[in-house]
Amino acid sequence: MLFVLNCTDKLDHLNVRLDNRPAHLDYLKSQGSKVKLAGPFLGADHKTPIGSMVIIECASEDEAKTFAANDPYAKAGLFADVAVRPWIWAVNVPSA
């Protein structure tokens, strides 16, 4: 099943994001095909990251929550909130 991780950065934590970005990207890349899509949300200036969206494939919501908790961004205390929601890809589904 697919899950969306909707992560909101804490205010004034851009430095935490930037400092941990290489480890975060390495973590996502290390998960192989489990990660379907990922990227930052941007602020009003359309440049400054203010959160993240990650779509992952996991067997359960608990597995998705563990995945989210092990992200270096989460371990560094970047996020004010992380919502984990089951999701169905309904339009423009990639072919297998």
PDB file of N, CA and C in Angstrom:
ATOM      1  N   MET A   1       0.836  -1.172   0.000  1.00  0.00           N
ATOM      2  CA  MET A   1       0.000   0.000   0.000  1.00  0.00           C
ATOM      3  C   MET A   1       0.880   1.233   0.000  1.00  0.00           C
ATOM      4  N   LEU A   2       0.368   2.285  -0.630  1.00  0.00           N
ATOM      5  CA  LEU A   2       1.081   3.555  -0.656  1.00  0.00           C
ATOM      6  C   LEU A   2       0.662   4.440   0.516  1.00  0.00           C
ATOM      7  N   PHE A   3       1.636   5.202   1.013  1.00  0.00           N
ATOM      8  CA  PHE A   3       1.408   6.158   2.093  1.00  0.00           C
ATOM      9  C   PHE A   3       2.069   7.474   1.732  1.00  0.00           C
ATOM     10  N   VAL A   4       1.395   8.571   2.084  1.00  0.00           N
ATOM     11  CA  VAL A   4       1.968   9.899   1.926  1.00  0.00           C
ATOM     12  C   VAL A   4       2.435  10.369   3.298  1.00  0.00           C
ATOM     13  N   LEU A   5       3.687  10.806   3.355  1.00  0.00           N
ATOM     14  CA  LEU A   5       4.214  11.451   4.548  1.00  0.00           C
ATOM     15  C   LEU A   5       4.180  12.948   4.269  1.00  0.00           C
ATOM     16  N   ASN A   6       3.359  13.662   5.015  1.00  0.00           N
ATOM     17  CA  ASN A   6       3.227  15.107   4.869  1.00  0.00           C
ATOM     18  C   ASN A   6       3.899  15.728   6.092  1.00  0.00           C
ATOM     19  N   CYS A   7       5.074  16.307   5.867  1.00  0.00           N
ATOM     20  CA  CYS A   7       5.920  16.780   6.958  1.00  0.00           C
ATOM     21  C   CYS A   7       6.018  18.303   6.931  1.00  0.00           C
ATOM     22  N   THR A   8       5.789  18.922   8.067  1.00  0.00           N
ATOM     23  CA  THR A   8       5.856  20.376   8.190  1.00  0.00           C
ATOM     24  C   THR A   8       7.070  20.749   9.032  1.00  0.00           C
ATOM     25  N   ASP A   9       7.932  21.601   8.471  1.00  0.00           N
ATOM     26  CA  ASP A   9       9.121  22.032   9.202  1.00  0.00           C
ATOM     27  C   ASP A   9       8.753  22.942  10.370  1.00  0.00           C
ATOM     28  N   LYS A  10       9.558  22.896  11.421  1.00  0.00           N
ATOM     29  CA  LYS A  10       9.454  23.873  12.497  1.00  0.00           C
ATOM     30  C   LYS A  10       9.892  25.232  11.954  1.00  0.00           C
ATOM     31  N   LEU A  11       9.308  26.280  12.473  1.00  0.00           N
ATOM     32  CA  LEU A  11       9.706  27.633  12.077  1.00  0.00           C
ATOM     33  C   LEU A  11      11.178  27.862  12.408  1.00  0.00           C
ATOM     34  N   ASP A  12      11.849  28.596  11.565  1.00  0.00           N
ATOM     35  CA  ASP A  12      13.255  28.971  11.781  1.00  0.00           C
ATOM     36  C   ASP A  12      14.186  27.762  11.890  1.00  0.00           C
ATOM     37  N   HIS A  13      13.884  26.705  11.157  1.00  0.00           N
ATOM     38  CA  HIS A  13      14.734  25.513  11.175  1.00  0.00           C
ATOM     39  C   HIS A  13      15.356  25.212   9.805  1.00  0.00           C
ATOM     40  N   LEU A  14      15.459  26.231   8.954  1.00  0.00           N
ATOM     41  CA  LEU A  14      16.045  26.016   7.639  1.00  0.00           C
ATOM     42  C   LEU A  14      17.464  25.468   7.755  1.00  0.00           C
ATOM     43  N   ASN A  15      18.228  25.964   8.741  1.00  0.00           N
ATOM     44  CA  ASN A  15      19.593  25.479   8.915  1.00  0.00           C
ATOM     45  C   ASN A  15      19.619  23.981   9.233  1.00  0.00           C
ATOM     46  N   VAL A  16      18.644  23.495   9.991  1.00  0.00           N
ATOM     47  CA  VAL A  16      18.563  22.058  10.302  1.00  0.00           C
ATOM     48  C   VAL A  16      18.305  21.279   9.016  1.00  0.00           C
ATOM     49  N   ARG A  17      17.416  21.772   8.197  1.00  0.00           N
ATOM     50  CA  ARG A  17      17.123  21.130   6.905  1.00  0.00           C
ATOM     51  C   ARG A  17      18.383  21.069   6.040  1.00  0.00           C
ATOM     52  N   LEU A  18      19.043  22.213   5.880  1.00  0.00           N
ATOM     53  CA  LEU A  18      20.215  22.271   5.009  1.00  0.00           C
ATOM     54  C   LEU A  18      21.354  21.406   5.531  1.00  0.00           C
ATOM     55  N   ASP A  19      21.567  21.406   6.841  1.00  0.00           N
ATOM     56  CA  ASP A  19      22.642  20.604   7.432  1.00  0.00           C
ATOM     57  C   ASP A  19      22.407  19.104   7.266  1.00  0.00           C
ATOM     58  N   ASN A  20      21.154  18.695   7.247  1.00  0.00           N
ATOM     59  CA  ASN A  20      20.827  17.265   7.206  1.00  0.00           C
ATOM     60  C   ASN A  20      20.373  16.775   5.837  1.00  0.00           C
ATOM     61  N   ARG A  21      20.346  17.658   4.859  1.00  0.00           N
ATOM     62  CA  ARG A  21      19.857  17.293   3.528  1.00  0.00           C
ATOM     63  C   ARG A  21      20.638  16.131   2.896  1.00  0.00           C
ATOM     64  N   PRO A  22      21.981  16.138   2.924  1.00  0.00           N
ATOM     65  CA  PRO A  22      22.691  15.003   2.314  1.00  0.00           C
ATOM     66  C   PRO A  22      22.322  13.657   2.945  1.00  0.00           C
ATOM     67  N   ALA A  23      22.213  13.612   4.267  1.00  0.00           N
ATOM     68  CA  ALA A  23      21.846  12.360   4.943  1.00  0.00           C
ATOM     69  C   ALA A  23      20.406  11.964   4.612  1.00  0.00           C
ATOM     70  N   HIS A  24      19.516  12.957   4.529  1.00  0.00           N
ATOM     71  CA  HIS A  24      18.119  12.701   4.171  1.00  0.00           C
ATOM     72  C   HIS A  24      18.034  12.089   2.771  1.00  0.00           C
ATOM     73  N   LEU A  25      18.723  12.697   1.807  1.00  0.00           N
ATOM     74  CA  LEU A  25      18.689  12.176   0.437  1.00  0.00           C
ATOM     75  C   LEU A  25      19.311  10.793   0.351  1.00  0.00           C
ATOM     76  N   ASP A  26      20.403  10.562   1.075  1.00  0.00           N
ATOM     77  CA  ASP A  26      21.016   9.231   1.103  1.00  0.00           C
ATOM     78  C   ASP A  26      20.049   8.196   1.666  1.00  0.00           C
ATOM     79  N   TYR A  27      19.323   8.578   2.717  1.00  0.00           N
ATOM     80  CA  TYR A  27      18.335   7.672   3.316  1.00  0.00           C
ATOM     81  C   TYR A  27      17.258   7.308   2.305  1.00  0.00           C
ATOM     82  N   LEU A  28      16.706   8.309   1.631  1.00  0.00           N
ATOM     83  CA  LEU A  28      15.661   8.032   0.643  1.00  0.00           C
ATOM     84  C   LEU A  28      16.194   7.141  -0.473  1.00  0.00           C
ATOM     85  N   LYS A  29      17.376   7.453  -0.981  1.00  0.00           N
ATOM     86  CA  LYS A  29      17.970   6.658  -2.068  1.00  0.00           C
ATOM     87  C   LYS A  29      18.258   5.224  -1.629  1.00  0.00           C
ATOM     88  N   SER A  30      18.601   5.043  -0.364  1.00  0.00           N
ATOM     89  CA  SER A  30      18.934   3.701   0.141  1.00  0.00           C
ATOM     90  C   SER A  30      17.712   2.784   0.220  1.00  0.00           C
ATOM     91  N   GLN A  31      16.514   3.353   0.118  1.00  0.00           N
ATOM     92  CA  GLN A  31      15.286   2.574   0.246  1.00  0.00           C
ATOM     93  C   GLN A  31      14.812   1.985  -1.085  1.00  0.00           C
ATOM     94  N   GLY A  32      15.534   2.270  -2.154  1.00  0.00           N
ATOM     95  CA  GLY A  32      15.218   1.696  -3.457  1.00  0.00           C
ATOM     96  C   GLY A  32      13.823   2.053  -3.935  1.00  0.00           C
ATOM     97  N   SER A  33      13.122   1.046  -4.441  1.00  0.00           N
ATOM     98  CA  SER A  33      11.809   1.290  -5.048  1.00  0.00           C
ATOM     99  C   SER A  33      10.705   1.564  -4.029  1.00  0.00           C
ATOM    100  N   LYS A  34      11.005   1.466  -2.749  1.00  0.00           N
ATOM    101  CA  LYS A  34      10.016   1.789  -1.710  1.00  0.00           C
ATOM    102  C   LYS A  34       9.579   3.250  -1.811  1.00  0.00           C
ATOM    103  N   VAL A  35      10.518   4.134  -2.161  1.00  0.00           N
ATOM    104  CA  VAL A  35      10.211   5.557  -2.303  1.00  0.00           C
ATOM    105  C   VAL A  35       9.730   5.797  -3.723  1.00  0.00           C
ATOM    106  N   LYS A  36       8.498   6.245  -3.840  1.00  0.00           N
ATOM    107  CA  LYS A  36       7.893   6.474  -5.149  1.00  0.00           C
ATOM    108  C   LYS A  36       8.069   7.909  -5.625  1.00  0.00           C
ATOM    109  N   LEU A  37       8.050   8.860  -4.692  1.00  0.00           N
ATOM    110  CA  LEU A  37       8.092  10.275  -5.029  1.00  0.00           C
ATOM    111  C   LEU A  37       8.463  11.047  -3.777  1.00  0.00           C
ATOM    112  N   ALA A  38       9.274  12.074  -3.912  1.00  0.00           N
ATOM    113  CA  ALA A  38       9.645  12.866  -2.740  1.00  0.00           C
ATOM    114  C   ALA A  38      10.104  14.250  -3.165  1.00  0.00           C
ATOM    115  N   GLY A  39       9.848  15.225  -2.301  1.00  0.00           N
ATOM    116  CA  GLY A  39      10.326  16.571  -2.551  1.00  0.00           C
ATOM    117  C   GLY A  39       9.816  17.534  -1.500  1.00  0.00           C
ATOM    118  N   PRO A  40      10.387  18.748  -1.496  1.00  0.00           N
ATOM    119  CA  PRO A  40      10.007  19.730  -0.487  1.00  0.00           C
ATOM    120  C   PRO A  40       8.784  20.551  -0.891  1.00  0.00           C
ATOM    121  N   PHE A  41       8.030  20.980   0.112  1.00  0.00           N
ATOM    122  CA  PHE A  41       7.042  22.039  -0.067  1.00  0.00           C
ATOM    123  C   PHE A  41       7.804  23.358   0.016  1.00  0.00           C
ATOM    124  N   LEU A  42       7.338  24.361  -0.705  1.00  0.00           N
ATOM    125  CA  LEU A  42       8.015  25.654  -0.717  1.00  0.00           C
ATOM    126  C   LEU A  42       7.147  26.728  -0.087  1.00  0.00           C
ATOM    127  N   GLY A  43       7.806  27.724   0.490  1.00  0.00           N
ATOM    128  CA  GLY A  43       7.112  28.834   1.113  1.00  0.00           C
ATOM    129  C   GLY A  43       6.572  29.812   0.085  1.00  0.00           C
ATOM    130  N   ALA A  44       6.063  30.927   0.583  1.00  0.00           N
ATOM    131  CA  ALA A  44       5.425  31.938  -0.257  1.00  0.00           C
ATOM    132  C   ALA A  44       6.379  32.515  -1.307  1.00  0.00           C
ATOM    133  N   ASP A  45       7.686  32.456  -1.042  1.00  0.00           N
ATOM    134  CA  ASP A  45       8.655  32.975  -2.005  1.00  0.00           C
ATOM    135  C   ASP A  45       8.940  31.991  -3.137  1.00  0.00           C
ATOM    136  N   HIS A  46       8.348  30.808  -3.063  1.00  0.00           N
ATOM    137  CA  HIS A  46       8.518  29.745  -4.063  1.00  0.00           C
ATOM    138  C   HIS A  46       9.958  29.254  -4.151  1.00  0.00           C
ATOM    139  N   LYS A  47      10.742  29.482  -3.090  1.00  0.00           N
ATOM    140  CA  LYS A  47      12.148  29.073  -3.063  1.00  0.00           C
ATOM    141  C   LYS A  47      12.531  28.351  -1.771  1.00  0.00           C
ATOM    142  N   THR A  48      12.018  28.829  -0.647  1.00  0.00           N
ATOM    143  CA  THR A  48      12.442  28.323   0.657  1.00  0.00           C
ATOM    144  C   THR A  48      11.653  27.078   1.044  1.00  0.00           C
ATOM    145  N   PRO A  49      12.352  25.954   1.298  1.00  0.00           N
ATOM    146  CA  PRO A  49      11.649  24.743   1.726  1.00  0.00           C
ATOM    147  C   PRO A  49      11.018  24.939   3.109  1.00  0.00           C
ATOM    148  N   ILE A  50       9.771  24.456   3.242  1.00  0.00           N
ATOM    149  CA  ILE A  50       9.059  24.583   4.524  1.00  0.00           C
ATOM    150  C   ILE A  50       8.472  23.252   4.988  1.00  0.00           C
ATOM    151  N   GLY A  51       8.755  22.201   4.267  1.00  0.00           N
ATOM    152  CA  GLY A  51       8.235  20.885   4.614  1.00  0.00           C
ATOM    153  C   GLY A  51       8.607  19.888   3.543  1.00  0.00           C
ATOM    154  N   SER A  52       8.101  18.677   3.693  1.00  0.00           N
ATOM    155  CA  SER A  52       8.405  17.608   2.740  1.00  0.00           C
ATOM    156  C   SER A  52       7.175  16.760   2.479  1.00  0.00           C
ATOM    157  N   MET A  53       7.139  16.204   1.272  1.00  0.00           N
ATOM    158  CA  MET A  53       6.160  15.181   0.939  1.00  0.00           C
ATOM    159  C   MET A  53       6.926  13.978   0.403  1.00  0.00           C
ATOM    160  N   VAL A  54       6.635  12.832   0.966  1.00  0.00           N
ATOM    161  CA  VAL A  54       7.264  11.592   0.520  1.00  0.00           C
ATOM    162  C   VAL A  54       6.155  10.570   0.327  1.00  0.00           C
ATOM    163  N   ILE A  55       6.142   9.934  -0.817  1.00  0.00           N
ATOM    164  CA  ILE A  55       5.195   8.848  -1.068  1.00  0.00           C
ATOM    165  C   ILE A  55       5.992   7.551  -1.073  1.00  0.00           C
ATOM    166  N   ILE A  56       5.589   6.636  -0.198  1.00  0.00           N
ATOM    167  CA  ILE A  56       6.312   5.375  -0.040  1.00  0.00           C
ATOM    168  C   ILE A  56       5.345   4.198  -0.120  1.00  0.00           C
ATOM    169  N   GLU A  57       5.910   3.050  -0.456  1.00  0.00           N
ATOM    170  CA  GLU A  57       5.141   1.813  -0.468  1.00  0.00           C
ATOM    171  C   GLU A  57       5.567   0.972   0.727  1.00  0.00           C
ATOM    172  N   CYS A  58       4.608   0.651   1.583  1.00  0.00           N
ATOM    173  CA  CYS A  58       4.870  -0.128   2.792  1.00  0.00           C
ATOM    174  C   CYS A  58       3.754  -1.151   2.987  1.00  0.00           C
ATOM    175  N   ALA A  59       4.048  -2.170   3.755  1.00  0.00           N
ATOM    176  CA  ALA A  59       3.058  -3.206   4.035  1.00  0.00           C
ATOM    177  C   ALA A  59       2.003  -2.744   5.032  1.00  0.00           C
ATOM    178  N   SER A  60       2.346  -1.746   5.859  1.00  0.00           N
ATOM    179  CA  SER A  60       1.410  -1.305   6.893  1.00  0.00           C
ATOM    180  C   SER A  60       1.683   0.146   7.269  1.00  0.00           C
ATOM    181  N   GLU A  61       0.720   0.747   7.948  1.00  0.00           N
ATOM    182  CA  GLU A  61       0.901   2.109   8.438  1.00  0.00           C
ATOM    183  C   GLU A  61       2.019   2.167   9.472  1.00  0.00           C
ATOM    184  N   ASP A  62       2.143   1.131  10.289  1.00  0.00           N
ATOM    185  CA  ASP A  62       3.233   1.096  11.274  1.00  0.00           C
ATOM    186  C   ASP A  62       4.594   1.124  10.586  1.00  0.00           C
ATOM    187  N   GLU A  63       4.732   0.394   9.488  1.00  0.00           N
ATOM    188  CA  GLU A  63       5.987   0.407   8.737  1.00  0.00           C
ATOM    189  C   GLU A  63       6.258   1.801   8.168  1.00  0.00           C
ATOM    190  N   ALA A  64       5.224   2.457   7.670  1.00  0.00           N
ATOM    191  CA  ALA A  64       5.371   3.815   7.141  1.00  0.00           C
ATOM    192  C   ALA A  64       5.783   4.785   8.244  1.00  0.00           C
ATOM    193  N   LYS A  65       5.208   4.639   9.427  1.00  0.00           N
ATOM    194  CA  LYS A  65       5.568   5.509  10.550  1.00  0.00           C
ATOM    195  C   LYS A  65       7.012   5.275  10.985  1.00  0.00           C
ATOM    196  N   THR A  66       7.451   4.026  10.958  1.00  0.00           N
ATOM    197  CA  THR A  66       8.850   3.712  11.284  1.00  0.00           C
ATOM    198  C   THR A  66       9.787   4.320  10.254  1.00  0.00           C
ATOM    199  N   PHE A  67       9.405   4.201   8.975  1.00  0.00           N
ATOM    200  CA  PHE A  67      10.180   4.821   7.908  1.00  0.00           C
ATOM    201  C   PHE A  67      10.333   6.316   8.174  1.00  0.00           C
ATOM    202  N   ALA A  68       9.230   6.986   8.489  1.00  0.00           N
ATOM    203  CA  ALA A  68       9.247   8.429   8.746  1.00  0.00           C
ATOM    204  C   ALA A  68      10.122   8.771   9.952  1.00  0.00           C
ATOM    205  N   ALA A  69      10.032   7.995  10.997  1.00  0.00           N
ATOM    206  CA  ALA A  69      10.794   8.261  12.218  1.00  0.00           C
ATOM    207  C   ALA A  69      12.292   8.082  12.005  1.00  0.00           C
ATOM    208  N   ASN A  70      12.685   7.221  11.068  1.00  0.00           N
ATOM    209  CA  ASN A  70      14.098   6.965  10.803  1.00  0.00           C
ATOM    210  C   ASN A  70      14.729   7.943   9.811  1.00  0.00           C
ATOM    211  N   ASP A  71      13.935   8.813   9.234  1.00  0.00           N
ATOM    212  CA  ASP A  71      14.465   9.828   8.313  1.00  0.00           C
ATOM    213  C   ASP A  71      15.396  10.755   9.093  1.00  0.00           C
ATOM    214  N   PRO A  72      16.578  11.031   8.566  1.00  0.00           N
ATOM    215  CA  PRO A  72      17.495  11.942   9.266  1.00  0.00           C
ATOM    216  C   PRO A  72      16.893  13.314   9.579  1.00  0.00           C
ATOM    217  N   TYR A  73      15.988  13.803   8.746  1.00  0.00           N
ATOM    218  CA  TYR A  73      15.314  15.058   9.073  1.00  0.00           C
ATOM    219  C   TYR A  73      14.527  14.911  10.382  1.00  0.00           C
ATOM    220  N   ALA A  74      13.790  13.829  10.520  1.00  0.00           N
ATOM    221  CA  ALA A  74      13.009  13.603  11.737  1.00  0.00           C
ATOM    222  C   ALA A  74      13.933  13.442  12.947  1.00  0.00           C
ATOM    223  N   LYS A  75      14.995  12.676  12.774  1.00  0.00           N
ATOM    224  CA  LYS A  75      15.936  12.453  13.884  1.00  0.00           C
ATOM    225  C   LYS A  75      16.614  13.753  14.322  1.00  0.00           C
ATOM    226  N   ALA A  76      16.780  14.693  13.391  1.00  0.00           N
ATOM    227  CA  ALA A  76      17.411  15.978  13.714  1.00  0.00           C
ATOM    228  C   ALA A  76      16.427  16.977  14.318  1.00  0.00           C
ATOM    229  N   GLY A  77      15.148  16.617  14.390  1.00  0.00           N
ATOM    230  CA  GLY A  77      14.151  17.495  14.990  1.00  0.00           C
ATOM    231  C   GLY A  77      13.637  18.578  14.062  1.00  0.00           C
ATOM    232  N   LEU A  78      13.707  18.354  12.746  1.00  0.00           N
ATOM    233  CA  LEU A  78      13.271  19.364  11.785  1.00  0.00           C
ATOM    234  C   LEU A  78      11.768  19.575  11.787  1.00  0.00           C
ATOM    235  N   PHE A  79      11.007  18.508  11.959  1.00  0.00           N
ATOM    236  CA  PHE A  79       9.574  18.587  11.717  1.00  0.00           C
ATOM    237  C   PHE A  79       8.758  18.962  12.944  1.00  0.00           C
ATOM    238  N   ALA A  80       7.817  19.876  12.735  1.00  0.00           N
ATOM    239  CA  ALA A  80       6.822  20.216  13.759  1.00  0.00           C
ATOM    240  C   ALA A  80       5.716  19.179  13.757  1.00  0.00           C
ATOM    241  N   ASP A  81       5.462  18.601  12.570  1.00  0.00           N
ATOM    242  CA  ASP A  81       4.360  17.649  12.423  1.00  0.00           C
ATOM    243  C   ASP A  81       4.652  16.719  11.250  1.00  0.00           C
ATOM    244  N   VAL A  82       4.298  15.447  11.428  1.00  0.00           N
ATOM    245  CA  VAL A  82       4.374  14.471  10.342  1.00  0.00           C
ATOM    246  C   VAL A  82       3.053  13.710  10.313  1.00  0.00           C
ATOM    247  N   ALA A  83       2.327  13.848   9.215  1.00  0.00           N
ATOM    248  CA  ALA A  83       1.083  13.100   9.025  1.00  0.00           C
ATOM    249  C   ALA A  83       1.366  11.949   8.069  1.00  0.00           C
ATOM    250  N   VAL A  84       0.942  10.760   8.451  1.00  0.00           N
ATOM    251  CA  VAL A  84       1.099   9.563   7.618  1.00  0.00           C
ATOM    252  C   VAL A  84      -0.295   9.137   7.195  1.00  0.00           C
ATOM    253  N   ARG A  85      -0.530   9.147   5.881  1.00  0.00           N
ATOM    254  CA  ARG A  85      -1.871   8.841   5.378  1.00  0.00           C
ATOM    255  C   ARG A  85      -1.802   7.804   4.272  1.00  0.00           C
ATOM    256  N   PRO A  86      -2.690   6.795   4.293  1.00  0.00           N
ATOM    257  CA  PRO A  86      -2.773   5.864   3.166  1.00  0.00           C
ATOM    258  C   PRO A  86      -3.256   6.608   1.930  1.00  0.00           C
ATOM    259  N   TRP A  87      -2.778   6.155   0.764  1.00  0.00           N
ATOM    260  CA  TRP A  87      -3.039   6.902  -0.469  1.00  0.00           C
ATOM    261  C   TRP A  87      -3.174   5.937  -1.637  1.00  0.00           C
ATOM    262  N   ILE A  88      -4.038   6.269  -2.572  1.00  0.00           N
ATOM    263  CA  ILE A  88      -4.212   5.478  -3.789  1.00  0.00           C
ATOM    264  C   ILE A  88      -3.828   6.347  -4.976  1.00  0.00           C
ATOM    265  N   TRP A  89      -2.930   5.846  -5.810  1.00  0.00           N
ATOM    266  CA  TRP A  89      -2.502   6.546  -7.018  1.00  0.00           C
ATOM    267  C   TRP A  89      -3.540   6.267  -8.079  1.00  0.00           C
ATOM    268  N   ALA A  90      -4.332   7.268  -8.453  1.00  0.00           N
ATOM    269  CA  ALA A  90      -5.486   7.048  -9.336  1.00  0.00           C
ATOM    270  C   ALA A  90      -5.312   7.583 -10.763  1.00  0.00           C
ATOM    271  N   VAL A  91      -4.447   8.587 -10.946  1.00  0.00           N
ATOM    272  CA  VAL A  91      -4.277   9.206 -12.263  1.00  0.00           C
ATOM    273  C   VAL A  91      -2.788   9.180 -12.629  1.00  0.00           C
ATOM    274  N   ASN A  92      -2.504   8.900 -13.890  1.00  0.00           N
ATOM    275  CA  ASN A  92      -1.126   8.831 -14.391  1.00  0.00           C
ATOM    276  C   ASN A  92      -0.280   7.825 -13.607  1.00  0.00           C
ATOM    277  N   VAL A  93      -0.877   6.703 -13.321  1.00  0.00           N
ATOM    278  CA  VAL A  93      -0.176   5.632 -12.594  1.00  0.00           C
ATOM    279  C   VAL A  93       0.939   5.093 -13.487  1.00  0.00           C
ATOM    280  N   PRO A  94       2.175   5.030 -12.951  1.00  0.00           N
ATOM    281  CA  PRO A  94       3.262   4.503 -13.780  1.00  0.00           C
ATOM    282  C   PRO A  94       3.033   3.027 -14.091  1.00  0.00           C
ATOM    283  N   SER A  95       3.432   2.621 -15.260  1.00  0.00           N
ATOM    284  CA  SER A  95       3.261   1.206 -15.632  1.00  0.00           C
ATOM    285  C   SER A  95       4.302   0.365 -14.903  1.00  0.00           C
ATOM    286  N   ALA A  96       3.936  -0.850 -14.650  1.00  0.00           N
ATOM    287  CA  ALA A  96       4.826  -1.749 -13.899  1.00  0.00           C
ATOM    288  C   ALA A  96       5.947  -2.270 -14.755  1.00  0.00           C
TER     289      ALA A  96
END
